[in-house]
Structures are given as structure tokens and as C-alpha cells.
Amino acid sequence: MTDDGVQTGGPSFDVPTGRLDGKVSNLRDADALPDVHDGIDALRSKFRANGLDEKDLVLLTEITI
């Protein structure tokens, strides 16, 4: 629940934080992910490198080409 839900008298409960799917981060892998500042050419390149096409790009980023 959001803070405003709690402020208006809604229920509140603790939620555990932290990732459970891995204990190692890899900077090289993270750098390969699309960035909010990437231009369309960089996004196309990163998607192609992962076997994805422009349709996938539009669906996953909500960008209109």
C-alpha cells in the first residue's frame, strides 16, 4: 500500500526488501541494459544484441518509432 493509503487509515504491513534472485551484481551486464538517456540507435543496438527486434523495443519501452 502507498503512503497515502496508510495516511487515510488503510492497512499497513512490513514487506521484506532486497533481491532474492541473485547475490552477485555484474557491472558489465548492467551496462548492457538500456538506459533512460539512450537514443533510438543505441536502444536498437542493445535490443538486437539480445535477439530482440523493433517490435520488442516498442512493446517493452512504450516508445513509438
Protein backbone atom coordinates (compact mmCIF):
# COMPACT_ATOMS: atom_id res chain seq x y z
CA MET A 1 0.00 0.00 0.00
CA THR A 2 1.21 3.50 -0.72
CA ASP A 3 1.91 6.10 1.96
CA ASP A 4 -1.31 7.93 1.14
CA GLY A 5 -3.26 4.73 1.78
CA VAL A 6 -1.73 4.47 5.24
CA GLN A 7 -2.34 8.17 5.93
CA THR A 8 -6.03 7.74 5.18
CA GLY A 9 -6.40 4.86 7.61
CA GLY A 10 -5.72 1.93 5.31
CA PRO A 11 -3.90 -1.18 6.48
CA SER A 12 -0.14 -1.25 6.89
CA PHE A 13 2.27 -4.18 6.79
CA ASP A 14 6.02 -4.73 6.54
CA VAL A 15 7.42 -6.12 3.31
CA PRO A 16 10.88 -7.69 3.23
CA THR A 17 13.29 -5.86 0.94
CA GLY A 18 16.23 -7.00 -1.11
CA ARG A 19 16.66 -9.21 -4.11
CA LEU A 20 16.29 -12.93 -3.66
CA ASP A 21 17.18 -13.95 -7.22
CA GLY A 22 20.92 -13.34 -7.03
CA LYS A 23 23.69 -12.34 -4.71
CA VAL A 24 26.19 -11.09 -7.32
CA SER A 25 25.97 -7.94 -9.42
CA ASN A 26 27.92 -7.61 -12.65
CA LEU A 27 28.67 -4.07 -13.85
CA ARG A 28 29.32 -5.27 -17.42
CA ASP A 29 25.85 -6.86 -17.57
CA ALA A 30 24.25 -3.76 -16.05
CA ASP A 31 25.96 -1.50 -18.59
CA ALA A 32 24.41 -3.56 -21.40
CA LEU A 33 20.88 -2.70 -20.24
CA PRO A 34 19.01 0.11 -21.98
CA ASP A 35 19.41 3.45 -20.24
CA VAL A 36 16.83 6.21 -19.98
CA HIS A 37 19.26 8.53 -21.80
CA ASP A 38 19.95 6.14 -24.71
CA GLY A 39 18.94 7.40 -28.12
CA ILE A 40 16.94 5.27 -30.54
CA ASP A 41 20.05 3.95 -32.31
CA ALA A 42 21.60 2.79 -29.03
CA LEU A 43 18.32 1.16 -27.99
CA ARG A 44 18.02 -0.65 -31.33
CA SER A 45 21.58 -1.89 -30.99
CA LYS A 46 21.12 -3.13 -27.43
CA PHE A 47 17.87 -4.88 -28.31
CA ARG A 48 19.39 -6.52 -31.42
CA ALA A 49 22.35 -7.73 -29.33
CA ASN A 50 19.82 -9.65 -27.23
CA GLY A 51 17.91 -11.12 -30.16
CA LEU A 52 15.07 -8.61 -29.97
CA ASP A 53 13.62 -6.56 -32.83
CA GLU A 54 11.93 -3.16 -33.15
CA LYS A 55 8.53 -4.63 -32.26
CA ASP A 56 10.02 -5.82 -28.95
CA LEU A 57 11.57 -2.38 -28.46
CA VAL A 58 8.21 -0.66 -28.84
CA LEU A 59 6.40 -3.16 -26.62
CA LEU A 60 8.96 -3.11 -23.81
CA THR A 61 9.79 0.60 -23.76
CA GLU A 62 6.50 2.10 -24.91
CA ILE A 63 8.43 4.17 -27.46
CA THR A 64 6.74 4.91 -30.77
CA ILE A 65 9.03 4.61 -33.81
